[in-house]
């Protein structure tokens, strides 16, 4: 399924969830409706997620509508006669439908107050481009996960794990903010790469400019990069780091310039369901340079082994070891 088709399906399920909320909130909800709802929600996890999201948002709205205001208190003092209750019930249901439709635009849409929450994941070895409602694009690398919120005031993305390349449509009144670890990056009209690793986050700018805020802040322009650790302190970039090597994954390649062997194996391992390790810790400091194709693991390991006088051993179905000859 394409990204646009998936987005359209998600919005359709949210519309259906709103309709079910309306029907189930009616007084004396028919048994047939309850049974039909049970069938609908059991169809898939997507149905359950859509209903849970809308129900959660409506819970937030309900807390707002229960505010102790003079208008509401005056309204509560009115008690309709039994004859009017049935008619008012139908009116309330119709009104609720109209209100929810309006709120769906004014509150839950990408331009609304509450905004749209989206979650995207790419499996190991995957590579996917996500088109956002504002026209910006997220190109997600292997084994990556992001959480996206677009609302009336801002556009924000959290890089939960992995690596993402951002192509941002600039909007001076609605900043695009990317959070990763202990820092965040604020777009000033740009394309940039964010790589969240366990111990550090690397930000590299392809074009335009980005303000990186952690414990301190730095403004980056095209071809510049910066890294910060888990505490938000800026740190030295690992080895010789060029923008071409940082973004090579978008072209299906990995580029290393005098990188440690253990770091190279860790990078290659991100794309494959195989555990790559060294037979002895002393091998880790060997240096590797070259350009490698991501999908050619066996050939890559053979080339590295030949250059460093090592052997490649398949000790099990999911484990490959580099050892001395």
C-alpha atoms as a PDB file:
ATOM      1  CA  UNK A   1       0.000   0.000   0.000  1.00  0.00           C
ATOM      2  CA  UNK A   2       1.309   3.458  -0.913  1.00  0.00           C
ATOM      3  CA  UNK A   3       1.781   6.165   1.702  1.00  0.00           C
ATOM      4  CA  UNK A   4      -1.087   8.253   0.285  1.00  0.00           C
ATOM      5  CA  UNK A   5      -3.409   5.239   0.247  1.00  0.00           C
ATOM      6  CA  UNK A   6      -2.473   4.374   3.822  1.00  0.00           C
ATOM      7  CA  UNK A   7      -3.136   7.958   4.935  1.00  0.00           C
ATOM      8  CA  UNK A   8      -6.527   7.964   3.188  1.00  0.00           C
ATOM      9  CA  UNK A   9      -7.454   4.660   4.826  1.00  0.00           C
ATOM     10  CA  UNK A  10      -6.439   6.015   8.245  1.00  0.00           C
ATOM     11  CA  UNK A  11      -8.618   9.112   7.799  1.00  0.00           C
ATOM     12  CA  UNK A  12     -11.560   6.933   6.682  1.00  0.00           C
ATOM     13  CA  UNK A  13     -11.247   4.791   9.810  1.00  0.00           C
ATOM     14  CA  UNK A  14     -11.179   7.923  11.979  1.00  0.00           C
ATOM     15  CA  UNK A  15     -14.384   9.149  10.324  1.00  0.00           C
ATOM     16  CA  UNK A  16     -16.004   5.770  10.999  1.00  0.00           C
ATOM     17  CA  UNK A  17     -14.795   5.911  14.613  1.00  0.00           C
ATOM     18  CA  UNK A  18     -16.460   9.328  15.062  1.00  0.00           C
ATOM     19  CA  UNK A  19     -19.715   7.910  13.686  1.00  0.00           C
ATOM     20  CA  UNK A  20     -19.560   4.973  16.109  1.00  0.00           C
ATOM     21  CA  UNK A  21     -18.953   7.323  19.032  1.00  0.00           C
ATOM     22  CA  UNK A  22     -22.074   9.233  18.077  1.00  0.00           C
ATOM     23  CA  UNK A  23     -24.216   6.117  17.681  1.00  0.00           C
ATOM     24  CA  UNK A  24     -23.013   4.480  20.901  1.00  0.00           C
ATOM     25  CA  UNK A  25     -23.563   7.659  22.936  1.00  0.00           C
ATOM     26  CA  UNK A  26     -27.275   7.728  22.049  1.00  0.00           C
ATOM     27  CA  UNK A  27     -29.743   6.935  24.823  1.00  0.00           C
ATOM     28  CA  UNK A  28     -31.034   3.347  24.576  1.00  0.00           C
ATOM     29  CA  UNK A  29     -28.470   2.406  21.948  1.00  0.00           C
ATOM     30  CA  UNK A  30     -29.955  -0.549  20.001  1.00  0.00           C
ATOM     31  CA  UNK A  31     -28.468  -4.009  20.551  1.00  0.00           C
ATOM     32  CA  UNK A  32     -27.987  -4.301  16.802  1.00  0.00           C
ATOM     33  CA  UNK A  33     -25.707  -1.248  16.856  1.00  0.00           C
ATOM     34  CA  UNK A  34     -23.668  -2.728  19.699  1.00  0.00           C
ATOM     35  CA  UNK A  35     -23.246  -5.986  17.777  1.00  0.00           C
ATOM     36  CA  UNK A  36     -22.345  -4.152  14.572  1.00  0.00           C
ATOM     37  CA  UNK A  37     -19.788  -2.065  16.461  1.00  0.00           C
ATOM     38  CA  UNK A  38     -18.227  -5.219  17.941  1.00  0.00           C
ATOM     39  CA  UNK A  39     -17.828  -6.635  14.426  1.00  0.00           C
ATOM     40  CA  UNK A  40     -16.345  -3.366  13.155  1.00  0.00           C
ATOM     41  CA  UNK A  41     -13.761  -2.955  15.902  1.00  0.00           C
ATOM     42  CA  UNK A  42     -12.624  -6.582  15.677  1.00  0.00           C
ATOM     43  CA  UNK A  43     -11.822  -6.293  11.977  1.00  0.00           C
ATOM     44  CA  UNK A  44      -8.244  -5.168  12.539  1.00  0.00           C
ATOM     45  CA  UNK A  45      -5.784  -3.487  14.877  1.00  0.00           C
ATOM     46  CA  UNK A  46      -6.138  -0.358  12.704  1.00  0.00           C
ATOM     47  CA  UNK A  47      -9.862  -0.171  13.556  1.00  0.00           C
ATOM     48  CA  UNK A  48      -9.052  -0.495  17.256  1.00  0.00           C
ATOM     49  CA  UNK A  49      -6.301   2.131  17.071  1.00  0.00           C
ATOM     50  CA  UNK A  50      -8.571   4.604  15.217  1.00  0.00           C
ATOM     51  CA  UNK A  51     -11.372   4.212  17.754  1.00  0.00           C
ATOM     52  CA  UNK A  52      -8.955   4.483  20.682  1.00  0.00           C
ATOM     53  CA  UNK A  53      -7.453   7.685  19.284  1.00  0.00           C
ATOM     54  CA  UNK A  54     -10.803   9.373  18.658  1.00  0.00           C
ATOM     55  CA  UNK A  55     -12.220   8.217  21.989  1.00  0.00           C
ATOM     56  CA  UNK A  56      -9.148   9.589  23.747  1.00  0.00           C
ATOM     57  CA  UNK A  57      -9.490  12.939  22.013  1.00  0.00           C
ATOM     58  CA  UNK A  58     -13.184  13.107  22.827  1.00  0.00           C
ATOM     59  CA  UNK A  59     -12.326  12.449  26.457  1.00  0.00           C
ATOM     60  CA  UNK A  60     -10.150  15.541  26.307  1.00  0.00           C
ATOM     61  CA  UNK A  61     -12.977  17.544  24.734  1.00  0.00           C
ATOM     62  CA  UNK A  62     -15.417  16.284  27.347  1.00  0.00           C
ATOM     63  CA  UNK A  63     -13.210  17.663  30.108  1.00  0.00           C
ATOM     64  CA  UNK A  64     -13.233  21.010  28.317  1.00  0.00           C
ATOM     65  CA  UNK A  65     -17.002  21.068  27.892  1.00  0.00           C
ATOM     66  CA  UNK A  66     -17.464  20.321  31.600  1.00  0.00           C
ATOM     67  CA  UNK A  67     -15.838  23.612  32.536  1.00  0.00           C
ATOM     68  CA  UNK A  68     -17.844  25.515  35.164  1.00  0.00           C
ATOM     69  CA  UNK A  69     -19.075  28.388  33.013  1.00  0.00           C
ATOM     70  CA  UNK A  70     -22.062  30.689  33.568  1.00  0.00           C
ATOM     71  CA  UNK A  71     -23.658  29.656  30.271  1.00  0.00           C
ATOM     72  CA  UNK A  72     -23.364  25.962  31.062  1.00  0.00           C
ATOM     73  CA  UNK A  73     -24.753  26.366  34.562  1.00  0.00           C
ATOM     74  CA  UNK A  74     -27.759  28.246  33.183  1.00  0.00           C
ATOM     75  CA  UNK A  75     -28.350  25.532  30.632  1.00  0.00           C
ATOM     76  CA  UNK A  76     -28.235  22.811  33.285  1.00  0.00           C
ATOM     77  CA  UNK A  77     -31.036  24.501  35.221  1.00  0.00           C
ATOM     78  CA  UNK A  78     -33.398  23.745  32.335  1.00  0.00           C
ATOM     79  CA  UNK A  79     -35.239  20.406  32.656  1.00  0.00           C
ATOM     80  CA  UNK A  80     -37.312  19.296  29.639  1.00  0.00           C
ATOM     81  CA  UNK A  81     -40.622  17.494  30.008  1.00  0.00           C
ATOM     82  CA  UNK A  82     -40.715  13.736  29.236  1.00  0.00           C
ATOM     83  CA  UNK A  83     -42.381  14.510  25.895  1.00  0.00           C
ATOM     84  CA  UNK A  84     -39.568  16.837  24.978  1.00  0.00           C
ATOM     85  CA  UNK A  85     -36.830  14.420  26.060  1.00  0.00           C
ATOM     86  CA  UNK A  86     -37.271  12.042  23.111  1.00  0.00           C
ATOM     87  CA  UNK A  87     -37.259  14.939  20.654  1.00  0.00           C
ATOM     88  CA  UNK A  88     -34.303  16.563  22.402  1.00  0.00           C
ATOM     89  CA  UNK A  89     -32.422  13.267  22.327  1.00  0.00           C
ATOM     90  CA  UNK A  90     -32.675  13.195  18.551  1.00  0.00           C
ATOM     91  CA  UNK A  91     -31.682  16.848  18.373  1.00  0.00           C
ATOM     92  CA  UNK A  92     -28.698  16.235  20.658  1.00  0.00           C
ATOM     93  CA  UNK A  93     -27.566  13.343  18.499  1.00  0.00           C
ATOM     94  CA  UNK A  94     -27.815  15.402  15.312  1.00  0.00           C
ATOM     95  CA  UNK A  95     -26.068  18.301  17.021  1.00  0.00           C
ATOM     96  CA  UNK A  96     -23.331  16.001  18.302  1.00  0.00           C
ATOM     97  CA  UNK A  97     -22.758  14.740  14.779  1.00  0.00           C
ATOM     98  CA  UNK A  98     -22.447  18.293  13.470  1.00  0.00           C
ATOM     99  CA  UNK A  99     -20.158  19.307  16.330  1.00  0.00           C
ATOM    100  CA  UNK A 100     -17.915  16.297  15.818  1.00  0.00           C
ATOM    101  CA  UNK A 101     -17.648  16.984  12.098  1.00  0.00           C
ATOM    102  CA  UNK A 102     -16.696  20.600  12.801  1.00  0.00           C
ATOM    103  CA  UNK A 103     -14.264  19.524  15.512  1.00  0.00           C
ATOM    104  CA  UNK A 104     -12.801  16.996  13.141  1.00  0.00           C
ATOM    105  CA  UNK A 105     -11.750  19.920  10.961  1.00  0.00           C
ATOM    106  CA  UNK A 106     -11.131  22.631  13.541  1.00  0.00           C
ATOM    107  CA  UNK A 107      -9.516  20.444  16.180  1.00  0.00           C
ATOM    108  CA  UNK A 108      -8.229  17.156  14.797  1.00  0.00           C
ATOM    109  CA  UNK A 109      -7.068  18.087  11.294  1.00  0.00           C
ATOM    110  CA  UNK A 110      -3.468  18.983  10.492  1.00  0.00           C
ATOM    111  CA  UNK A 111      -4.494  22.637  10.642  1.00  0.00           C
ATOM    112  CA  UNK A 112      -6.535  22.250  13.837  1.00  0.00           C
ATOM    113  CA  UNK A 113      -5.718  23.043  17.442  1.00  0.00           C
ATOM    114  CA  UNK A 114      -5.112  19.482  18.566  1.00  0.00           C
ATOM    115  CA  UNK A 115      -3.654  18.344  15.269  1.00  0.00           C
ATOM    116  CA  UNK A 116      -2.879  14.954  13.787  1.00  0.00           C
ATOM    117  CA  UNK A 117      -0.716  12.413  15.573  1.00  0.00           C
ATOM    118  CA  UNK A 118       0.972   9.852  13.332  1.00  0.00           C
ATOM    119  CA  UNK A 119       3.443   7.069  14.019  1.00  0.00           C
ATOM    120  CA  UNK A 120       5.731   5.492  11.420  1.00  0.00           C
ATOM    121  CA  UNK A 121       8.148   2.578  11.607  1.00  0.00           C
ATOM    122  CA  UNK A 122      10.530   1.017   9.111  1.00  0.00           C
ATOM    123  CA  UNK A 123      11.777  -2.526   9.672  1.00  0.00           C
ATOM    124  CA  UNK A 124      15.403  -3.621   9.543  1.00  0.00           C
ATOM    125  CA  UNK A 125      16.571  -3.434   5.954  1.00  0.00           C
ATOM    126  CA  UNK A 126      13.667  -1.140   5.015  1.00  0.00           C
ATOM    127  CA  UNK A 127      13.696   2.285   3.380  1.00  0.00           C
ATOM    128  CA  UNK A 128      10.534   4.378   3.093  1.00  0.00           C
ATOM    129  CA  UNK A 129       9.514   7.949   2.239  1.00  0.00           C
ATOM    130  CA  UNK A 130       6.628   9.566   4.150  1.00  0.00           C
ATOM    131  CA  UNK A 131       4.793  12.572   2.689  1.00  0.00           C
ATOM    132  CA  UNK A 132       3.404  14.857   5.400  1.00  0.00           C
ATOM    133  CA  UNK A 133       0.255  16.984   5.132  1.00  0.00           C
ATOM    134  CA  UNK A 134       2.297  20.208   4.909  1.00  0.00           C
ATOM    135  CA  UNK A 135       4.276  18.963   1.896  1.00  0.00           C
ATOM    136  CA  UNK A 136       7.410  18.067   3.858  1.00  0.00           C
ATOM    137  CA  UNK A 137       8.972  14.616   3.392  1.00  0.00           C
ATOM    138  CA  UNK A 138      10.551  12.135   5.780  1.00  0.00           C
ATOM    139  CA  UNK A 139      12.886   9.578   4.239  1.00  0.00           C
ATOM    140  CA  UNK A 140      13.332   6.835   6.818  1.00  0.00           C
ATOM    141  CA  UNK A 141      16.364   4.563   6.915  1.00  0.00           C
ATOM    142  CA  UNK A 142      16.521   0.987   8.190  1.00  0.00           C
ATOM    143  CA  UNK A 143      15.085   0.107  11.626  1.00  0.00           C
ATOM    144  CA  UNK A 144      13.770   3.617  12.297  1.00  0.00           C
ATOM    145  CA  UNK A 145      10.751   4.986  14.139  1.00  0.00           C
ATOM    146  CA  UNK A 146       9.214   8.466  14.363  1.00  0.00           C
ATOM    147  CA  UNK A 147       6.233  10.147  15.989  1.00  0.00           C
ATOM    148  CA  UNK A 148       4.698  13.111  14.113  1.00  0.00           C
ATOM    149  CA  UNK A 149       2.410  15.893  15.341  1.00  0.00           C
ATOM    150  CA  UNK A 150       1.143  18.639  13.040  1.00  0.00           C
ATOM    151  CA  UNK A 151      -1.275  21.196  14.463  1.00  0.00           C
ATOM    152  CA  UNK A 152      -2.290  24.848  14.290  1.00  0.00           C
ATOM    153  CA  UNK A 153       0.901  26.128  15.932  1.00  0.00           C
ATOM    154  CA  UNK A 154       3.764  23.883  14.957  1.00  0.00           C
ATOM    155  CA  UNK A 155       5.040  20.811  13.165  1.00  0.00           C
ATOM    156  CA  UNK A 156       7.040  18.410  15.306  1.00  0.00           C
ATOM    157  CA  UNK A 157       8.694  15.046  14.807  1.00  0.00           C
ATOM    158  CA  UNK A 158      10.346  12.858  17.418  1.00  0.00           C
ATOM    159  CA  UNK A 159      12.984  10.465  16.138  1.00  0.00           C
ATOM    160  CA  UNK A 160      12.411   7.563  18.510  1.00  0.00           C
ATOM    161  CA  UNK A 161      15.211   5.524  16.960  1.00  0.00           C
ATOM    162  CA  UNK A 162      17.195   5.216  13.775  1.00  0.00           C
ATOM    163  CA  UNK A 163      17.867   7.706  11.002  1.00  0.00           C
ATOM    164  CA  UNK A 164      15.657  10.084   9.031  1.00  0.00           C
ATOM    165  CA  UNK A 165      16.342  12.513   6.197  1.00  0.00           C
ATOM    166  CA  UNK A 166      14.072  15.580   6.293  1.00  0.00           C
ATOM    167  CA  UNK A 167      13.025  17.706   3.323  1.00  0.00           C
ATOM    168  CA  UNK A 168      11.105  20.530   4.956  1.00  0.00           C
ATOM    169  CA  UNK A 169       8.686  23.022   3.435  1.00  0.00           C
ATOM    170  CA  UNK A 170       9.518  26.190   5.323  1.00  0.00           C
ATOM    171  CA  UNK A 171       6.802  28.098   7.178  1.00  0.00           C
ATOM    172  CA  UNK A 172       7.981  31.033   9.290  1.00  0.00           C
ATOM    173  CA  UNK A 173       4.772  31.008  11.352  1.00  0.00           C
ATOM    174  CA  UNK A 174       4.794  27.266  12.006  1.00  0.00           C
ATOM    175  CA  UNK A 175       8.291  25.976  12.854  1.00  0.00           C
ATOM    176  CA  UNK A 176       9.333  22.423  12.014  1.00  0.00           C
ATOM    177  CA  UNK A 177      10.979  20.928  15.106  1.00  0.00           C
ATOM    178  CA  UNK A 178      12.760  17.569  15.238  1.00  0.00           C
ATOM    179  CA  UNK A 179      13.456  16.098  18.679  1.00  0.00           C
ATOM    180  CA  UNK A 180      16.020  13.339  19.125  1.00  0.00           C
ATOM    181  CA  UNK A 181      17.443  12.353  22.482  1.00  0.00           C
ATOM    182  CA  UNK A 182      18.504  15.309  24.609  1.00  0.00           C
ATOM    183  CA  UNK A 183      18.267  17.927  21.863  1.00  0.00           C
ATOM    184  CA  UNK A 184      16.154  19.271  19.052  1.00  0.00           C
ATOM    185  CA  UNK A 185      16.642  20.765  15.597  1.00  0.00           C
ATOM    186  CA  UNK A 186      14.613  23.704  14.310  1.00  0.00           C
ATOM    187  CA  UNK A 187      14.286  24.036  10.550  1.00  0.00           C
ATOM    188  CA  UNK A 188      15.054  27.362   8.926  1.00  0.00           C
ATOM    189  CA  UNK A 189      14.148  26.031   5.448  1.00  0.00           C
ATOM    190  CA  UNK A 190      16.297  23.053   4.691  1.00  0.00           C
ATOM    191  CA  UNK A 191      17.118  19.418   4.053  1.00  0.00           C
ATOM    192  CA  UNK A 192      18.971  17.598   6.807  1.00  0.00           C
ATOM    193  CA  UNK A 193      19.736  14.169   8.259  1.00  0.00           C
ATOM    194  CA  UNK A 194      19.134  13.101  11.867  1.00  0.00           C
ATOM    195  CA  UNK A 195      20.768   9.890  13.063  1.00  0.00           C
ATOM    196  CA  UNK A 196      19.874   8.841  16.608  1.00  0.00           C
ATOM    197  CA  UNK A 197      22.324   6.301  18.006  1.00  0.00           C
ATOM    198  CA  UNK A 198      22.336   4.815  21.526  1.00  0.00           C
ATOM    199  CA  UNK A 199      25.090   7.134  22.758  1.00  0.00           C
ATOM    200  CA  UNK A 200      24.766  10.172  20.504  1.00  0.00           C
ATOM    201  CA  UNK A 201      22.743  12.038  17.878  1.00  0.00           C
ATOM    202  CA  UNK A 202      24.287  13.321  14.646  1.00  0.00           C
ATOM    203  CA  UNK A 203      22.715  16.201  12.667  1.00  0.00           C
ATOM    204  CA  UNK A 204      24.002  16.892   9.146  1.00  0.00           C
ATOM    205  CA  UNK A 205      22.649  19.642   6.868  1.00  0.00           C
ATOM    206  CA  UNK A 206      22.357  19.082   3.129  1.00  0.00           C
ATOM    207  CA  UNK A 207      21.042  22.536   2.237  1.00  0.00           C
ATOM    208  CA  UNK A 208      19.534  25.559   3.952  1.00  0.00           C
ATOM    209  CA  UNK A 209      20.104  25.997   7.686  1.00  0.00           C
ATOM    210  CA  UNK A 210      19.148  24.381  10.982  1.00  0.00           C
ATOM    211  CA  UNK A 211      19.388  25.534  14.585  1.00  0.00           C
ATOM    212  CA  UNK A 212      20.397  22.664  16.878  1.00  0.00           C
ATOM    213  CA  UNK A 213      19.455  23.179  20.538  1.00  0.00           C
ATOM    214  CA  UNK A 214      20.750  20.960  23.332  1.00  0.00           C
ATOM    215  CA  UNK A 215      22.473  22.284  26.457  1.00  0.00           C
ATOM    216  CA  UNK A 216      23.767  24.970  24.129  1.00  0.00           C
ATOM    217  CA  UNK A 217      22.808  25.845  20.561  1.00  0.00           C
ATOM    218  CA  UNK A 218      24.512  25.918  17.182  1.00  0.00           C
ATOM    219  CA  UNK A 219      23.368  27.176  13.802  1.00  0.00           C
ATOM    220  CA  UNK A 220      24.333  24.886  10.922  1.00  0.00           C
ATOM    221  CA  UNK A 221      24.409  25.661   7.219  1.00  0.00           C
ATOM    222  CA  UNK A 222      24.836  23.379   4.201  1.00  0.00           C
ATOM    223  CA  UNK A 223      27.607  20.751   4.493  1.00  0.00           C
ATOM    224  CA  UNK A 224      27.938  21.238   8.256  1.00  0.00           C
ATOM    225  CA  UNK A 225      27.271  18.633  10.928  1.00  0.00           C
ATOM    226  CA  UNK A 226      27.204  18.385  14.709  1.00  0.00           C
ATOM    227  CA  UNK A 227      26.765  15.693  17.352  1.00  0.00           C
ATOM    228  CA  UNK A 228      25.541  15.705  20.967  1.00  0.00           C
ATOM    229  CA  UNK A 229      25.499  12.989  23.618  1.00  0.00           C
ATOM    230  CA  UNK A 230      22.769  11.651  25.913  1.00  0.00           C
ATOM    231  CA  UNK A 231      23.249  14.574  28.300  1.00  0.00           C
ATOM    232  CA  UNK A 232      22.857  17.185  25.565  1.00  0.00           C
ATOM    233  CA  UNK A 233      26.545  18.154  25.455  1.00  0.00           C
ATOM    234  CA  UNK A 234      28.022  18.808  22.025  1.00  0.00           C
ATOM    235  CA  UNK A 235      30.795  16.315  21.242  1.00  0.00           C
ATOM    236  CA  UNK A 236      33.365  15.715  18.530  1.00  0.00           C
ATOM    237  CA  UNK A 237      32.068  13.984  15.437  1.00  0.00           C
ATOM    238  CA  UNK A 238      33.184  10.352  15.052  1.00  0.00           C
ATOM    239  CA  UNK A 239      36.188  10.151  12.719  1.00  0.00           C
ATOM    240  CA  UNK A 240      36.202  11.879   9.361  1.00  0.00           C
ATOM    241  CA  UNK A 241      32.577  12.629   8.607  1.00  0.00           C
ATOM    242  CA  UNK A 242      31.474  14.047   5.274  1.00  0.00           C
ATOM    243  CA  UNK A 243      27.944  14.868   4.196  1.00  0.00           C
ATOM    244  CA  UNK A 244      28.328  12.463   1.290  1.00  0.00           C
ATOM    245  CA  UNK A 245      29.073   9.593   3.665  1.00  0.00           C
ATOM    246  CA  UNK A 246      26.266  10.545   6.048  1.00  0.00           C
ATOM    247  CA  UNK A 247      23.587  10.469   3.348  1.00  0.00           C
ATOM    248  CA  UNK A 248      25.024   7.644   1.213  1.00  0.00           C
ATOM    249  CA  UNK A 249      22.327   5.280   2.550  1.00  0.00           C
ATOM    250  CA  UNK A 250      19.784   7.161   0.454  1.00  0.00           C
ATOM    251  CA  UNK A 251      21.642   5.863  -2.614  1.00  0.00           C
ATOM    252  CA  UNK A 252      21.924   2.322  -1.278  1.00  0.00           C
ATOM    253  CA  UNK A 253      25.558   2.728  -0.211  1.00  0.00           C
ATOM    254  CA  UNK A 254      27.760   3.020   2.860  1.00  0.00           C
ATOM    255  CA  UNK A 255      30.935   5.123   2.690  1.00  0.00           C
ATOM    256  CA  UNK A 256      33.721   4.787   5.270  1.00  0.00           C
ATOM    257  CA  UNK A 257      36.863   6.881   5.530  1.00  0.00           C
ATOM    258  CA  UNK A 258      39.420   5.388   7.909  1.00  0.00           C
ATOM    259  CA  UNK A 259      36.693   4.085  10.262  1.00  0.00           C
ATOM    260  CA  UNK A 260      37.246   1.501  12.993  1.00  0.00           C
ATOM    261  CA  UNK A 261      36.345  -2.049  12.004  1.00  0.00           C
ATOM    262  CA  UNK A 262      33.901  -2.511  14.899  1.00  0.00           C
ATOM    263  CA  UNK A 263      32.066   0.678  13.866  1.00  0.00           C
ATOM    264  CA  UNK A 264      31.903  -0.485  10.254  1.00  0.00           C
ATOM    265  CA  UNK A 265      30.414  -3.854  11.240  1.00  0.00           C
ATOM    266  CA  UNK A 266      27.877  -2.113  13.481  1.00  0.00           C
ATOM    267  CA  UNK A 267      26.769   0.088  10.573  1.00  0.00           C
ATOM    268  CA  UNK A 268      26.510  -2.810   8.153  1.00  0.00           C
ATOM    269  CA  UNK A 269      24.622  -4.867  10.687  1.00  0.00           C
ATOM    270  CA  UNK A 270      21.831  -2.277  10.860  1.00  0.00           C
ATOM    271  CA  UNK A 271      20.599  -3.395   7.453  1.00  0.00           C
ATOM    272  CA  UNK A 272      20.666  -7.163   7.862  1.00  0.00           C
ATOM    273  CA  UNK A 273      19.221  -9.834  10.136  1.00  0.00           C
ATOM    274  CA  UNK A 274      22.656 -11.122  11.024  1.00  0.00           C
ATOM    275  CA  UNK A 275      24.888 -10.605  14.044  1.00  0.00           C
ATOM    276  CA  UNK A 276      28.322  -9.428  12.904  1.00  0.00           C
ATOM    277  CA  UNK A 277      31.143  -9.718  15.420  1.00  0.00           C
ATOM    278  CA  UNK A 278      34.897  -9.945  15.769  1.00  0.00           C
ATOM    279  CA  UNK A 279      36.719 -13.016  17.032  1.00  0.00           C
ATOM    280  CA  UNK A 280      39.050 -10.894  19.177  1.00  0.00           C
ATOM    281  CA  UNK A 281      38.723  -7.372  20.672  1.00  0.00           C
ATOM    282  CA  UNK A 282      42.156  -6.456  19.316  1.00  0.00           C
ATOM    283  CA  UNK A 283      40.724  -6.485  15.779  1.00  0.00           C
ATOM    284  CA  UNK A 284      38.325  -3.623  16.527  1.00  0.00           C
ATOM    285  CA  UNK A 285      40.850  -0.839  15.923  1.00  0.00           C
ATOM    286  CA  UNK A 286      41.661  -1.948  12.365  1.00  0.00           C
ATOM    287  CA  UNK A 287      40.725   0.825   9.932  1.00  0.00           C
ATOM    288  CA  UNK A 288      38.430   0.492   6.938  1.00  0.00           C
ATOM    289  CA  UNK A 289      37.982   2.818   3.952  1.00  0.00           C
ATOM    290  CA  UNK A 290      35.816   2.358   0.899  1.00  0.00           C
ATOM    291  CA  UNK A 291      32.346   2.427  -0.619  1.00  0.00           C
ATOM    292  CA  UNK A 292      30.048  -0.560  -0.074  1.00  0.00           C
ATOM    293  CA  UNK A 293      26.609  -1.485  -1.371  1.00  0.00           C
ATOM    294  CA  UNK A 294      24.135  -2.002   1.471  1.00  0.00           C
ATOM    295  CA  UNK A 295      22.496  -5.089  -0.062  1.00  0.00           C
ATOM    296  CA  UNK A 296      25.775  -6.938  -0.730  1.00  0.00           C
ATOM    297  CA  UNK A 297      26.730  -8.066   2.751  1.00  0.00           C
ATOM    298  CA  UNK A 298      28.737 -11.147   1.753  1.00  0.00           C
ATOM    299  CA  UNK A 299      30.752  -9.243  -0.822  1.00  0.00           C
ATOM    300  CA  UNK A 300      31.376  -6.387   1.620  1.00  0.00           C
ATOM    301  CA  UNK A 301      32.648  -8.718   4.339  1.00  0.00           C
ATOM    302  CA  UNK A 302      34.850 -10.580   1.858  1.00  0.00           C
ATOM    303  CA  UNK A 303      36.426  -7.313   0.645  1.00  0.00           C
ATOM    304  CA  UNK A 304      37.092  -6.141   4.212  1.00  0.00           C
ATOM    305  CA  UNK A 305      38.523  -9.519   5.223  1.00  0.00           C
ATOM    306  CA  UNK A 306      40.893  -9.581   2.236  1.00  0.00           C
ATOM    307  CA  UNK A 307      42.163  -6.054   2.925  1.00  0.00           C
ATOM    308  CA  UNK A 308      42.824  -6.803   6.610  1.00  0.00           C
ATOM    309  CA  UNK A 309      44.069 -10.410   6.187  1.00  0.00           C
ATOM    310  CA  UNK A 310      41.053 -11.843   8.036  1.00  0.00           C
ATOM    311  CA  UNK A 311      38.653 -14.723   7.416  1.00  0.00           C
ATOM    312  CA  UNK A 312      34.841 -14.717   7.369  1.00  0.00           C
ATOM    313  CA  UNK A 313      33.172 -17.524   9.311  1.00  0.00           C
ATOM    314  CA  UNK A 314      29.460 -18.359   9.361  1.00  0.00           C
ATOM    315  CA  UNK A 315      29.178 -19.883  12.820  1.00  0.00           C
ATOM    316  CA  UNK A 316      25.375 -20.126  12.665  1.00  0.00           C
ATOM    317  CA  UNK A 317      22.448 -19.059  10.483  1.00  0.00           C
ATOM    318  CA  UNK A 318      22.353 -15.605  12.056  1.00  0.00           C
ATOM    319  CA  UNK A 319      25.936 -15.032  13.154  1.00  0.00           C
ATOM    320  CA  UNK A 320      29.019 -14.096  11.127  1.00  0.00           C
ATOM    321  CA  UNK A 321      32.478 -13.748  12.668  1.00  0.00           C
ATOM    322  CA  UNK A 322      35.595 -12.025  11.329  1.00  0.00           C
ATOM    323  CA  UNK A 323      38.758 -13.662  12.662  1.00  0.00           C
ATOM    324  CA  UNK A 324      42.497 -13.737  12.100  1.00  0.00           C
ATOM    325  CA  UNK A 325      43.799 -16.097   9.448  1.00  0.00           C
END
